[in-house]
Amino acid sequence: LKAQQLSEANCADRGILCHFPNSMGDREMVGAGDDPMETVLDAPAYSDSESSPSPKRASSLGRRGASGDERAYNALVQRQEEHMKKILKELDHGSKESCWAWYIFPTEKAGNCDFDETRITKKNAVDLCNNESTSSDWRKCLEKICDLLEARDKRPPDDHVLPRIDHGRVHWFIKFWKNYSESPEWMLDVCSRLDTLKFPPS
């Protein structure tokens, strides 16, 4: 089990897609070149020597000359636009099965190896809530995750809906958004629902 957990952590840290069956049996590690299910998201598989995206890849996701904050925000919006429908379909199966926590639970800190280094700031977080192309599906994803977790009724949650490697990110997502003065009512409701589940900080 410990070896499996380490493999999952390494997989997430390198931006490699992970397939997490709901049982505690064999776990399949899925690389970016594989496509065992329609809902698995696209991502590059980094080698052991790679710790960050190439400059070419990073610059392609934000307009030329954009600030770091703006580039990170633009990349987040782009990823949400590309993947939100797939994530909703994936959640219809009852659990998270690929790597997308960075895009659904954004905070001020990019994921350790989120190859797009997506994040928000207190200045632009309100824009994400109001973004016409993504806000509705983002809300649906969050509310669907709340529904699944509440049906599971575990405090703190087990790894049936979200793998434990994501629980710390959810904790800090709640901390940011429930204290953010520009959070809309629907976001405050999502945070309240998640907060009752007692996600650990790491």
N, C-alpha and C. Protein backbone atom coordinates (compact mmCIF):
# COMPACT_ATOMS: atom_id res chain seq x y z
N LEU A 1 0.83 -1.21 0.00
CA LEU A 1 0.00 0.00 0.00
C LEU A 1 0.86 1.25 0.00
N LYS A 2 1.93 1.26 0.83
CA LYS A 2 2.81 2.42 0.87
C LYS A 2 3.44 2.66 -0.49
N ALA A 3 3.87 1.59 -1.14
CA ALA A 3 4.48 1.72 -2.47
C ALA A 3 3.48 2.29 -3.46
N GLN A 4 2.21 1.85 -3.36
CA GLN A 4 1.18 2.37 -4.25
C GLN A 4 0.97 3.85 -4.04
N GLN A 5 0.95 4.28 -2.76
CA GLN A 5 0.75 5.69 -2.45
C GLN A 5 1.89 6.54 -3.00
N LEU A 6 3.12 6.03 -2.87
CA LEU A 6 4.26 6.76 -3.39
C LEU A 6 4.19 6.85 -4.91
N SER A 7 3.75 5.77 -5.55
CA SER A 7 3.61 5.81 -7.00
C SER A 7 2.59 6.84 -7.43
N GLU A 8 1.47 6.92 -6.68
CA GLU A 8 0.44 7.90 -7.00
C GLU A 8 0.98 9.31 -6.85
N ALA A 9 1.75 9.54 -5.78
CA ALA A 9 2.31 10.87 -5.54
C ALA A 9 3.28 11.25 -6.65
N ASN A 10 4.15 10.31 -7.03
CA ASN A 10 5.10 10.59 -8.10
C ASN A 10 4.38 10.85 -9.41
N CYS A 11 3.33 10.10 -9.66
CA CYS A 11 2.55 10.27 -10.88
C CYS A 11 1.96 11.67 -10.94
N ALA A 12 1.32 12.10 -9.86
CA ALA A 12 0.70 13.42 -9.83
C ALA A 12 1.75 14.51 -9.94
N ASP A 13 2.88 14.35 -9.26
CA ASP A 13 3.91 15.38 -9.26
C ASP A 13 4.51 15.57 -10.63
N ARG A 14 4.47 14.55 -11.50
CA ARG A 14 5.05 14.67 -12.84
C ARG A 14 4.02 15.01 -13.90
N GLY A 15 2.78 15.25 -13.49
CA GLY A 15 1.77 15.58 -14.47
C GLY A 15 1.30 14.39 -15.27
N ILE A 16 1.55 13.17 -14.78
CA ILE A 16 1.14 11.96 -15.48
C ILE A 16 -0.27 11.60 -15.06
N LEU A 17 -1.06 11.11 -15.99
CA LEU A 17 -2.42 10.74 -15.68
C LEU A 17 -2.45 9.54 -14.77
N CYS A 18 -3.39 9.57 -13.83
CA CYS A 18 -3.53 8.48 -12.87
C CYS A 18 -4.91 7.87 -13.00
N HIS A 19 -5.01 6.57 -12.94
CA HIS A 19 -6.30 5.92 -12.89
C HIS A 19 -6.44 5.30 -11.52
N PHE A 20 -7.43 5.75 -10.74
CA PHE A 20 -7.62 5.30 -9.37
C PHE A 20 -8.90 4.48 -9.27
N PRO A 21 -8.84 3.16 -9.40
CA PRO A 21 -10.04 2.37 -9.17
C PRO A 21 -10.52 2.57 -7.74
N ASN A 22 -11.79 2.29 -7.49
CA ASN A 22 -12.35 2.54 -6.16
C ASN A 22 -11.91 1.50 -5.13
N SER A 23 -11.52 0.32 -5.59
CA SER A 23 -11.10 -0.70 -4.65
C SER A 23 -9.66 -0.46 -4.24
N MET A 24 -9.21 -1.20 -3.24
CA MET A 24 -7.83 -1.09 -2.79
C MET A 24 -6.96 -2.16 -3.45
N GLY A 25 -7.43 -2.72 -4.56
CA GLY A 25 -6.68 -3.75 -5.26
C GLY A 25 -5.65 -3.15 -6.18
N ASP A 26 -5.41 -3.85 -7.30
CA ASP A 26 -4.40 -3.38 -8.25
C ASP A 26 -4.78 -2.02 -8.78
N ARG A 27 -3.78 -1.16 -8.96
CA ARG A 27 -4.01 0.18 -9.47
C ARG A 27 -3.22 0.36 -10.75
N GLU A 28 -3.87 0.90 -11.72
CA GLU A 28 -3.25 1.06 -13.03
C GLU A 28 -2.73 2.48 -13.18
N MET A 29 -1.47 2.61 -13.51
CA MET A 29 -0.88 3.92 -13.76
C MET A 29 -0.96 4.18 -15.25
N VAL A 30 -1.64 5.21 -15.64
CA VAL A 30 -1.91 5.48 -17.05
C VAL A 30 -1.07 6.64 -17.52
N GLY A 31 -0.27 6.45 -18.55
CA GLY A 31 0.56 7.52 -19.11
C GLY A 31 -0.23 8.39 -20.05
N ALA A 32 0.34 9.54 -20.38
CA ALA A 32 -0.38 10.50 -21.21
C ALA A 32 -0.64 9.98 -22.62
N GLY A 33 0.15 9.02 -23.07
CA GLY A 33 -0.06 8.51 -24.42
C GLY A 33 -1.16 7.48 -24.50
N ASP A 34 -1.65 7.00 -23.34
CA ASP A 34 -2.68 5.99 -23.31
C ASP A 34 -4.05 6.65 -23.19
N ASP A 35 -5.08 5.95 -23.64
CA ASP A 35 -6.43 6.50 -23.54
C ASP A 35 -7.41 5.37 -23.26
N PRO A 36 -7.39 4.81 -22.03
CA PRO A 36 -8.25 3.68 -21.71
C PRO A 36 -9.70 4.06 -21.53
N MET A 37 -9.99 5.37 -21.40
CA MET A 37 -11.37 5.80 -21.21
C MET A 37 -11.51 7.22 -21.74
N GLU A 38 -12.66 7.57 -22.23
CA GLU A 38 -12.85 8.86 -22.87
C GLU A 38 -12.63 10.02 -21.92
N THR A 39 -12.86 9.79 -20.61
CA THR A 39 -12.82 10.89 -19.67
C THR A 39 -11.44 11.22 -19.17
N VAL A 40 -10.43 10.43 -19.50
CA VAL A 40 -9.07 10.74 -19.05
C VAL A 40 -8.57 11.97 -19.78
N LEU A 41 -7.97 12.91 -19.04
CA LEU A 41 -7.55 14.18 -19.60
C LEU A 41 -6.16 14.08 -20.21
N ASP A 42 -5.87 14.98 -21.14
CA ASP A 42 -4.56 15.02 -21.79
C ASP A 42 -3.55 15.66 -20.88
N ALA A 43 -2.36 15.08 -20.80
CA ALA A 43 -1.27 15.67 -20.03
C ALA A 43 0.03 15.03 -20.48
N PRO A 44 1.16 15.77 -20.38
CA PRO A 44 2.44 15.19 -20.79
C PRO A 44 3.03 14.33 -19.68
N ALA A 45 3.76 13.30 -20.04
CA ALA A 45 4.46 12.50 -19.05
C ALA A 45 5.89 13.01 -18.96
N TYR A 46 6.27 13.54 -17.80
CA TYR A 46 7.62 14.07 -17.63
C TYR A 46 8.59 12.93 -17.33
N SER A 47 9.81 13.07 -17.76
CA SER A 47 10.84 12.11 -17.37
C SER A 47 11.35 12.48 -15.99
N ASP A 48 12.16 11.60 -15.40
CA ASP A 48 12.67 11.85 -14.06
C ASP A 48 13.48 13.14 -13.99
N SER A 49 14.08 13.53 -15.11
CA SER A 49 14.94 14.70 -15.09
C SER A 49 14.18 16.01 -15.26
N GLU A 50 12.89 15.93 -15.59
CA GLU A 50 12.10 17.13 -15.83
C GLU A 50 11.36 17.54 -14.57
N SER A 51 11.44 18.81 -14.21
CA SER A 51 10.73 19.30 -13.02
C SER A 51 9.84 20.47 -13.34
N SER A 52 9.87 20.96 -14.57
CA SER A 52 9.04 22.10 -14.94
C SER A 52 8.74 22.05 -16.42
N PRO A 53 7.68 22.76 -16.86
CA PRO A 53 7.35 22.74 -18.28
C PRO A 53 8.39 23.47 -19.11
N SER A 54 8.44 23.15 -20.38
CA SER A 54 9.36 23.84 -21.26
C SER A 54 8.91 25.29 -21.42
N PRO A 55 9.85 26.22 -21.65
CA PRO A 55 9.46 27.61 -21.87
C PRO A 55 8.48 27.77 -23.01
N LYS A 56 8.64 26.96 -24.06
CA LYS A 56 7.74 27.05 -25.20
C LYS A 56 6.32 26.71 -24.80
N ARG A 57 6.17 25.63 -24.00
CA ARG A 57 4.85 25.20 -23.55
C ARG A 57 4.23 26.25 -22.64
N ALA A 58 5.01 26.77 -21.70
CA ALA A 58 4.49 27.74 -20.75
C ALA A 58 4.05 29.02 -21.45
N SER A 59 4.86 29.49 -22.39
CA SER A 59 4.54 30.76 -23.04
C SER A 59 3.34 30.65 -23.96
N SER A 60 3.02 29.44 -24.41
CA SER A 60 1.91 29.28 -25.33
C SER A 60 0.57 29.45 -24.67
N LEU A 61 0.52 29.40 -23.34
CA LEU A 61 -0.74 29.45 -22.63
C LEU A 61 -1.11 30.84 -22.13
N GLY A 62 -0.28 31.81 -22.34
CA GLY A 62 -0.63 33.17 -21.96
C GLY A 62 -0.14 34.10 -23.05
N ARG A 63 -0.78 35.25 -23.20
CA ARG A 63 -0.36 36.12 -24.28
C ARG A 63 1.06 36.63 -24.01
N ARG A 64 1.76 36.92 -25.07
CA ARG A 64 3.16 37.32 -24.96
C ARG A 64 3.29 38.57 -24.11
N GLY A 65 4.19 38.55 -23.14
CA GLY A 65 4.42 39.69 -22.27
C GLY A 65 3.51 39.73 -21.06
N ALA A 66 2.63 38.76 -20.91
CA ALA A 66 1.71 38.75 -19.77
C ALA A 66 2.49 38.53 -18.48
N SER A 67 1.98 39.08 -17.38
CA SER A 67 2.61 38.87 -16.09
C SER A 67 2.46 37.42 -15.67
N GLY A 68 3.23 37.00 -14.67
CA GLY A 68 3.12 35.64 -14.18
C GLY A 68 1.73 35.33 -13.68
N ASP A 69 1.13 36.27 -12.94
CA ASP A 69 -0.23 36.07 -12.43
C ASP A 69 -1.23 35.94 -13.56
N GLU A 70 -1.09 36.79 -14.56
CA GLU A 70 -2.03 36.77 -15.69
C GLU A 70 -1.87 35.49 -16.50
N ARG A 71 -0.62 35.08 -16.73
CA ARG A 71 -0.38 33.85 -17.49
C ARG A 71 -0.97 32.65 -16.77
N ALA A 72 -0.77 32.60 -15.45
CA ALA A 72 -1.29 31.47 -14.66
C ALA A 72 -2.82 31.44 -14.70
N TYR A 73 -3.43 32.62 -14.61
CA TYR A 73 -4.89 32.70 -14.66
C TYR A 73 -5.41 32.30 -16.04
N ASN A 74 -4.79 32.81 -17.09
CA ASN A 74 -5.22 32.48 -18.45
C ASN A 74 -5.10 30.98 -18.71
N ALA A 75 -4.03 30.38 -18.21
CA ALA A 75 -3.84 28.94 -18.37
C ALA A 75 -4.94 28.17 -17.64
N LEU A 76 -5.31 28.65 -16.46
CA LEU A 76 -6.37 27.99 -15.70
C LEU A 76 -7.70 28.05 -16.46
N VAL A 77 -8.05 29.21 -16.97
CA VAL A 77 -9.29 29.35 -17.74
C VAL A 77 -9.27 28.43 -18.96
N GLN A 78 -8.13 28.39 -19.64
CA GLN A 78 -8.02 27.54 -20.82
C GLN A 78 -8.21 26.07 -20.47
N ARG A 79 -7.60 25.64 -19.39
CA ARG A 79 -7.74 24.24 -18.97
C ARG A 79 -9.17 23.93 -18.55
N GLN A 80 -9.81 24.87 -17.87
CA GLN A 80 -11.21 24.65 -17.50
C GLN A 80 -12.08 24.53 -18.76
N GLU A 81 -11.85 25.40 -19.71
CA GLU A 81 -12.63 25.35 -20.95
C GLU A 81 -12.45 24.02 -21.67
N GLU A 82 -11.23 23.52 -21.68
CA GLU A 82 -10.92 22.29 -22.40
C GLU A 82 -11.47 21.04 -21.72
N HIS A 83 -11.48 21.03 -20.40
CA HIS A 83 -11.68 19.78 -19.68
C HIS A 83 -12.93 19.67 -18.82
N MET A 84 -13.65 20.77 -18.58
CA MET A 84 -14.75 20.71 -17.62
C MET A 84 -15.83 19.71 -18.01
N LYS A 85 -16.20 19.65 -19.28
CA LYS A 85 -17.22 18.70 -19.72
C LYS A 85 -16.76 17.26 -19.48
N LYS A 86 -15.47 17.00 -19.75
CA LYS A 86 -14.94 15.66 -19.53
C LYS A 86 -14.96 15.31 -18.05
N ILE A 87 -14.65 16.28 -17.21
CA ILE A 87 -14.64 16.04 -15.77
C ILE A 87 -16.04 15.72 -15.27
N LEU A 88 -17.03 16.44 -15.76
CA LEU A 88 -18.42 16.16 -15.37
C LEU A 88 -18.81 14.74 -15.76
N LYS A 89 -18.42 14.31 -16.96
CA LYS A 89 -18.73 12.94 -17.38
C LYS A 89 -18.01 11.92 -16.50
N GLU A 90 -16.76 12.23 -16.16
CA GLU A 90 -15.99 11.33 -15.30
C GLU A 90 -16.67 11.18 -13.94
N LEU A 91 -17.16 12.29 -13.39
CA LEU A 91 -17.80 12.25 -12.09
C LEU A 91 -19.11 11.47 -12.10
N ASP A 92 -19.71 11.33 -13.27
CA ASP A 92 -20.92 10.51 -13.37
C ASP A 92 -20.65 9.07 -12.99
N HIS A 93 -19.36 8.66 -13.05
CA HIS A 93 -18.98 7.31 -12.65
C HIS A 93 -18.74 7.21 -11.13
N GLY A 94 -18.81 8.35 -10.44
CA GLY A 94 -18.76 8.32 -8.98
C GLY A 94 -17.45 8.66 -8.34
N SER A 95 -16.40 8.92 -9.13
CA SER A 95 -15.12 9.22 -8.51
C SER A 95 -14.20 9.95 -9.49
N LYS A 96 -13.16 10.54 -8.95
CA LYS A 96 -12.11 11.17 -9.75
C LYS A 96 -11.16 10.08 -10.23
N GLU A 97 -10.93 10.05 -11.54
CA GLU A 97 -10.11 8.98 -12.11
C GLU A 97 -8.93 9.49 -12.93
N SER A 98 -8.75 10.80 -13.01
CA SER A 98 -7.62 11.38 -13.74
C SER A 98 -7.19 12.66 -13.02
N CYS A 99 -6.14 13.28 -13.51
CA CYS A 99 -5.53 14.39 -12.78
C CYS A 99 -6.09 15.74 -13.21
N TRP A 100 -6.93 16.34 -12.36
CA TRP A 100 -7.51 17.64 -12.67
C TRP A 100 -7.79 18.48 -11.44
N ALA A 101 -7.32 18.08 -10.29
CA ALA A 101 -7.63 18.81 -9.05
C ALA A 101 -7.18 20.27 -9.12
N TRP A 102 -6.09 20.55 -9.85
CA TRP A 102 -5.58 21.92 -9.96
C TRP A 102 -6.62 22.85 -10.58
N TYR A 103 -7.41 22.32 -11.51
CA TYR A 103 -8.35 23.15 -12.26
C TYR A 103 -9.70 23.31 -11.57
N ILE A 104 -10.06 22.37 -10.71
CA ILE A 104 -11.34 22.42 -10.00
C ILE A 104 -11.18 23.04 -8.61
N PHE A 105 -10.02 22.89 -8.01
CA PHE A 105 -9.76 23.44 -6.68
C PHE A 105 -8.60 24.43 -6.73
N PRO A 106 -8.72 25.51 -7.51
CA PRO A 106 -7.60 26.46 -7.63
C PRO A 106 -7.37 27.25 -6.35
N THR A 107 -6.12 27.50 -6.05
CA THR A 107 -5.73 28.33 -4.91
C THR A 107 -4.65 29.29 -5.38
N GLU A 108 -4.05 30.01 -4.44
CA GLU A 108 -2.97 30.94 -4.78
C GLU A 108 -1.65 30.22 -5.05
N LYS A 109 -1.60 28.93 -4.79
CA LYS A 109 -0.38 28.15 -5.01
C LYS A 109 -0.59 27.15 -6.13
N ALA A 110 0.27 27.18 -7.12
CA ALA A 110 0.22 26.18 -8.19
C ALA A 110 0.56 24.81 -7.63
N GLY A 111 0.03 23.78 -8.24
CA GLY A 111 0.39 22.42 -7.84
C GLY A 111 1.88 22.18 -8.05
N ASN A 112 2.47 21.32 -7.25
CA ASN A 112 3.91 21.10 -7.30
C ASN A 112 4.41 20.83 -8.71
N CYS A 113 3.67 20.06 -9.49
CA CYS A 113 4.07 19.79 -10.86
C CYS A 113 2.90 19.93 -11.81
N ASP A 114 2.04 20.88 -11.54
CA ASP A 114 1.04 21.28 -12.54
C ASP A 114 1.83 21.89 -13.69
N PHE A 115 1.86 21.23 -14.83
CA PHE A 115 2.77 21.67 -15.90
C PHE A 115 2.39 23.04 -16.46
N ASP A 116 1.16 23.51 -16.20
CA ASP A 116 0.77 24.87 -16.61
C ASP A 116 0.91 25.88 -15.48
N GLU A 117 1.23 25.40 -14.26
CA GLU A 117 1.42 26.27 -13.10
C GLU A 117 0.21 27.18 -12.89
N THR A 118 -0.99 26.61 -12.98
CA THR A 118 -2.21 27.39 -12.83
C THR A 118 -2.44 27.78 -11.38
N ARG A 119 -2.93 28.99 -11.19
CA ARG A 119 -3.26 29.48 -9.86
C ARG A 119 -4.08 30.75 -10.01
N ILE A 120 -4.58 31.22 -8.87
CA ILE A 120 -5.36 32.45 -8.84
C ILE A 120 -4.70 33.42 -7.87
N THR A 121 -5.19 34.65 -7.87
CA THR A 121 -4.79 35.65 -6.88
C THR A 121 -6.07 36.26 -6.31
N LYS A 122 -5.93 37.00 -5.24
CA LYS A 122 -7.10 37.68 -4.66
C LYS A 122 -7.68 38.68 -5.65
N LYS A 123 -6.85 39.17 -6.55
CA LYS A 123 -7.33 40.15 -7.53
C LYS A 123 -8.15 39.50 -8.64
N ASN A 124 -7.71 38.33 -9.13
CA ASN A 124 -8.41 37.75 -10.28
C ASN A 124 -9.34 36.59 -9.95
N ALA A 125 -9.39 36.17 -8.69
CA ALA A 125 -10.27 35.05 -8.33
C ALA A 125 -11.73 35.35 -8.65
N VAL A 126 -12.14 36.59 -8.43
CA VAL A 126 -13.53 36.98 -8.72
C VAL A 126 -13.82 36.84 -10.21
N ASP A 127 -12.82 37.08 -11.05
CA ASP A 127 -13.02 36.95 -12.50
C ASP A 127 -13.31 35.50 -12.88
N LEU A 128 -12.67 34.56 -12.17
CA LEU A 128 -12.91 33.15 -12.45
C LEU A 128 -14.36 32.78 -12.11
N CYS A 129 -14.86 33.31 -11.02
CA CYS A 129 -16.25 33.03 -10.63
C CYS A 129 -17.25 33.58 -11.63
N ASN A 130 -16.88 34.65 -12.31
CA ASN A 130 -17.79 35.32 -13.23
C ASN A 130 -17.51 35.02 -14.70
N ASN A 131 -16.52 34.17 -14.96
CA ASN A 131 -16.14 33.90 -16.34
C ASN A 131 -17.25 33.13 -17.07
N GLU A 132 -17.78 33.71 -18.13
CA GLU A 132 -18.95 33.14 -18.80
C GLU A 132 -18.70 31.77 -19.41
N SER A 133 -17.49 31.51 -19.87
CA SER A 133 -17.22 30.26 -20.57
C SER A 133 -16.99 29.07 -19.64
N THR A 134 -16.76 29.33 -18.34
CA THR A 134 -16.41 28.23 -17.44
C THR A 134 -17.18 28.18 -16.12
N SER A 135 -17.69 29.30 -15.64
CA SER A 135 -18.20 29.35 -14.26
C SER A 135 -19.36 28.39 -14.01
N SER A 136 -20.24 28.22 -14.99
CA SER A 136 -21.38 27.34 -14.79
C SER A 136 -20.96 25.89 -14.63
N ASP A 137 -20.09 25.41 -15.51
CA ASP A 137 -19.62 24.02 -15.41
C ASP A 137 -18.72 23.83 -14.20
N TRP A 138 -17.94 24.84 -13.86
CA TRP A 138 -17.10 24.74 -12.66
C TRP A 138 -17.98 24.54 -11.43
N ARG A 139 -19.04 25.33 -11.35
CA ARG A 139 -19.98 25.18 -10.24
C ARG A 139 -20.60 23.78 -10.23
N LYS A 140 -20.99 23.27 -11.40
CA LYS A 140 -21.57 21.93 -11.48
C LYS A 140 -20.59 20.87 -11.00
N CYS A 141 -19.32 21.01 -11.38
CA CYS A 141 -18.29 20.05 -10.94
C CYS A 141 -18.17 20.05 -9.43
N LEU A 142 -18.05 21.24 -8.85
CA LEU A 142 -17.89 21.34 -7.40
C LEU A 142 -19.11 20.80 -6.66
N GLU A 143 -20.28 21.12 -7.14
CA GLU A 143 -21.50 20.65 -6.48
C GLU A 143 -21.67 19.15 -6.64
N LYS A 144 -21.25 18.61 -7.79
CA LYS A 144 -21.30 17.16 -7.99
C LYS A 144 -20.34 16.46 -7.04
N ILE A 145 -19.16 17.02 -6.86
CA ILE A 145 -18.19 16.44 -5.92
C ILE A 145 -18.77 16.47 -4.50
N CYS A 146 -19.39 17.56 -4.13
CA CYS A 146 -20.04 17.65 -2.81
C CYS A 146 -21.10 16.56 -2.66
N ASP A 147 -21.93 16.38 -3.69
CA ASP A 147 -22.98 15.36 -3.63
C ASP A 147 -22.37 13.97 -3.41
N LEU A 148 -21.31 13.66 -4.15
CA LEU A 148 -20.69 12.34 -4.04
C LEU A 148 -20.06 12.13 -2.66
N LEU A 149 -19.40 13.16 -2.17
CA LEU A 149 -18.75 13.05 -0.85
C LEU A 149 -19.79 12.93 0.25
N GLU A 150 -20.86 13.68 0.16
CA GLU A 150 -21.91 13.62 1.19
C GLU A 150 -22.61 12.26 1.17
N ALA A 151 -22.78 11.69 0.00
CA ALA A 151 -23.37 10.36 -0.09
C ALA A 151 -22.47 9.31 0.54
N ARG A 152 -21.18 9.53 0.42
CA ARG A 152 -20.20 8.62 1.03
C ARG A 152 -20.19 8.77 2.55
N ASP A 153 -20.36 10.00 3.02
CA ASP A 153 -20.53 10.32 4.44
C ASP A 153 -19.38 9.83 5.32
N LYS A 154 -18.15 10.17 4.92
CA LYS A 154 -16.96 9.84 5.71
C LYS A 154 -16.29 11.13 6.16
N ARG A 155 -15.87 11.20 7.44
CA ARG A 155 -15.21 12.39 7.98
C ARG A 155 -13.99 11.96 8.80
N PRO A 156 -12.78 12.29 8.30
CA PRO A 156 -12.48 12.89 7.00
C PRO A 156 -12.78 11.92 5.87
N PRO A 157 -12.88 12.42 4.65
CA PRO A 157 -13.24 11.54 3.53
C PRO A 157 -12.20 10.45 3.30
N ASP A 158 -12.67 9.31 2.80
CA ASP A 158 -11.73 8.28 2.34
C ASP A 158 -11.36 8.60 0.89
N ASP A 159 -10.76 7.65 0.20
CA ASP A 159 -10.30 7.92 -1.17
C ASP A 159 -11.27 7.40 -2.23
N HIS A 160 -12.51 7.16 -1.85
CA HIS A 160 -13.49 6.63 -2.79
C HIS A 160 -13.84 7.65 -3.88
N VAL A 161 -14.04 8.90 -3.50
CA VAL A 161 -14.42 9.96 -4.45
C VAL A 161 -13.20 10.73 -4.94
N LEU A 162 -12.37 11.19 -4.01
CA LEU A 162 -11.14 11.90 -4.33
C LEU A 162 -9.97 11.16 -3.70
N PRO A 163 -8.89 10.91 -4.45
CA PRO A 163 -7.73 10.24 -3.85
C PRO A 163 -7.13 11.11 -2.75
N ARG A 164 -6.55 10.47 -1.76
CA ARG A 164 -6.03 11.22 -0.60
C ARG A 164 -4.96 12.23 -0.98
N ILE A 165 -4.29 11.99 -2.08
CA ILE A 165 -3.26 12.94 -2.52
C ILE A 165 -3.86 14.32 -2.80
N ASP A 166 -5.16 14.40 -3.06
CA ASP A 166 -5.83 15.67 -3.34
C ASP A 166 -6.45 16.33 -2.11
N HIS A 167 -6.48 15.66 -0.98
CA HIS A 167 -7.22 16.18 0.16
C HIS A 167 -6.63 17.47 0.72
N GLY A 168 -5.31 17.58 0.70
CA GLY A 168 -4.69 18.82 1.18
C GLY A 168 -5.06 20.01 0.31
N ARG A 169 -5.10 19.81 -1.00
CA ARG A 169 -5.50 20.89 -1.91
C ARG A 169 -6.93 21.33 -1.62
N VAL A 170 -7.82 20.38 -1.38
CA VAL A 170 -9.21 20.74 -1.06
C VAL A 170 -9.26 21.56 0.22
N HIS A 171 -8.47 21.17 1.22
CA HIS A 171 -8.42 21.91 2.48
C HIS A 171 -8.07 23.38 2.25
N TRP A 172 -7.02 23.63 1.45
CA TRP A 172 -6.57 25.00 1.22
C TRP A 172 -7.49 25.75 0.27
N PHE A 173 -8.16 25.03 -0.62
CA PHE A 173 -9.20 25.63 -1.46
C PHE A 173 -10.32 26.19 -0.59
N ILE A 174 -10.76 25.39 0.36
CA ILE A 174 -11.82 25.85 1.28
C ILE A 174 -11.36 27.08 2.04
N LYS A 175 -10.14 27.01 2.56
CA LYS A 175 -9.61 28.11 3.38
C LYS A 175 -9.58 29.42 2.60
N PHE A 176 -9.16 29.34 1.32
CA PHE A 176 -9.10 30.57 0.51
C PHE A 176 -10.50 31.10 0.21
N TRP A 177 -11.35 30.24 -0.36
CA TRP A 177 -12.61 30.72 -0.91
C TRP A 177 -13.65 31.08 0.14
N LYS A 178 -13.64 30.43 1.28
CA LYS A 178 -14.65 30.78 2.29
C LYS A 178 -14.32 32.11 2.97
N ASN A 179 -13.04 32.53 2.89
CA ASN A 179 -12.63 33.80 3.48
C ASN A 179 -12.45 34.90 2.45
N TYR A 180 -12.74 34.59 1.20
CA TYR A 180 -12.56 35.55 0.11
C TYR A 180 -13.79 36.45 0.02
N SER A 181 -13.57 37.74 0.09
CA SER A 181 -14.70 38.68 0.18
C SER A 181 -15.56 38.71 -1.08
N GLU A 182 -15.01 38.27 -2.23
CA GLU A 182 -15.75 38.32 -3.48
C GLU A 182 -16.38 36.97 -3.86
N SER A 183 -16.31 35.99 -2.97
CA SER A 183 -16.92 34.69 -3.29
C SER A 183 -18.42 34.82 -3.44
N PRO A 184 -18.99 34.30 -4.53
CA PRO A 184 -20.45 34.33 -4.69
C PRO A 184 -21.12 33.35 -3.72
N GLU A 185 -22.41 33.47 -3.58
CA GLU A 185 -23.13 32.62 -2.64
C GLU A 185 -22.97 31.14 -2.94
N TRP A 186 -22.96 30.79 -4.23
CA TRP A 186 -22.83 29.38 -4.56
C TRP A 186 -21.47 28.82 -4.12
N MET A 187 -20.42 29.64 -4.21
CA MET A 187 -19.11 29.20 -3.78
C MET A 187 -19.05 29.06 -2.26
N LEU A 188 -19.64 29.99 -1.56
CA LEU A 188 -19.69 29.89 -0.09
C LEU A 188 -20.45 28.64 0.34
N ASP A 189 -21.50 28.30 -0.39
CA ASP A 189 -22.25 27.08 -0.09
C ASP A 189 -21.40 25.84 -0.33
N VAL A 190 -20.65 25.82 -1.44
CA VAL A 190 -19.74 24.70 -1.72
C VAL A 190 -18.71 24.57 -0.61
N CYS A 191 -18.13 25.69 -0.20
CA CYS A 191 -17.12 25.65 0.86
C CYS A 191 -17.70 25.15 2.18
N SER A 192 -18.91 25.57 2.48
CA SER A 192 -19.56 25.12 3.71
C SER A 192 -19.79 23.61 3.68
N ARG A 193 -20.21 23.10 2.56
CA ARG A 193 -20.45 21.66 2.43
C ARG A 193 -19.14 20.88 2.54
N LEU A 194 -18.10 21.36 1.88
CA LEU A 194 -16.81 20.68 1.95
C LEU A 194 -16.19 20.78 3.33
N ASP A 195 -16.38 21.92 3.97
CA ASP A 195 -15.77 22.15 5.28
C ASP A 195 -16.28 21.17 6.33
N THR A 196 -17.54 20.79 6.23
CA THR A 196 -18.11 19.85 7.20
C THR A 196 -17.47 18.48 7.11
N LEU A 197 -16.78 18.20 5.99
CA LEU A 197 -16.19 16.89 5.79
C LEU A 197 -14.80 16.75 6.40
N LYS A 198 -14.25 17.87 6.88
CA LYS A 198 -12.99 17.85 7.64
C LYS A 198 -11.80 17.34 6.83
N PHE A 199 -11.58 17.93 5.66
CA PHE A 199 -10.39 17.57 4.90
C PHE A 199 -9.13 17.99 5.65
N PRO A 200 -8.15 17.11 5.75
CA PRO A 200 -6.90 17.46 6.43
C PRO A 200 -6.05 18.40 5.59
N PRO A 201 -5.13 19.16 6.21
CA PRO A 201 -4.31 20.12 5.45
C PRO A 201 -3.26 19.48 4.56
N SER A 202 -2.97 18.21 4.75
CA SER A 202 -1.99 17.54 3.90
C SER A 202 -2.22 16.04 3.95
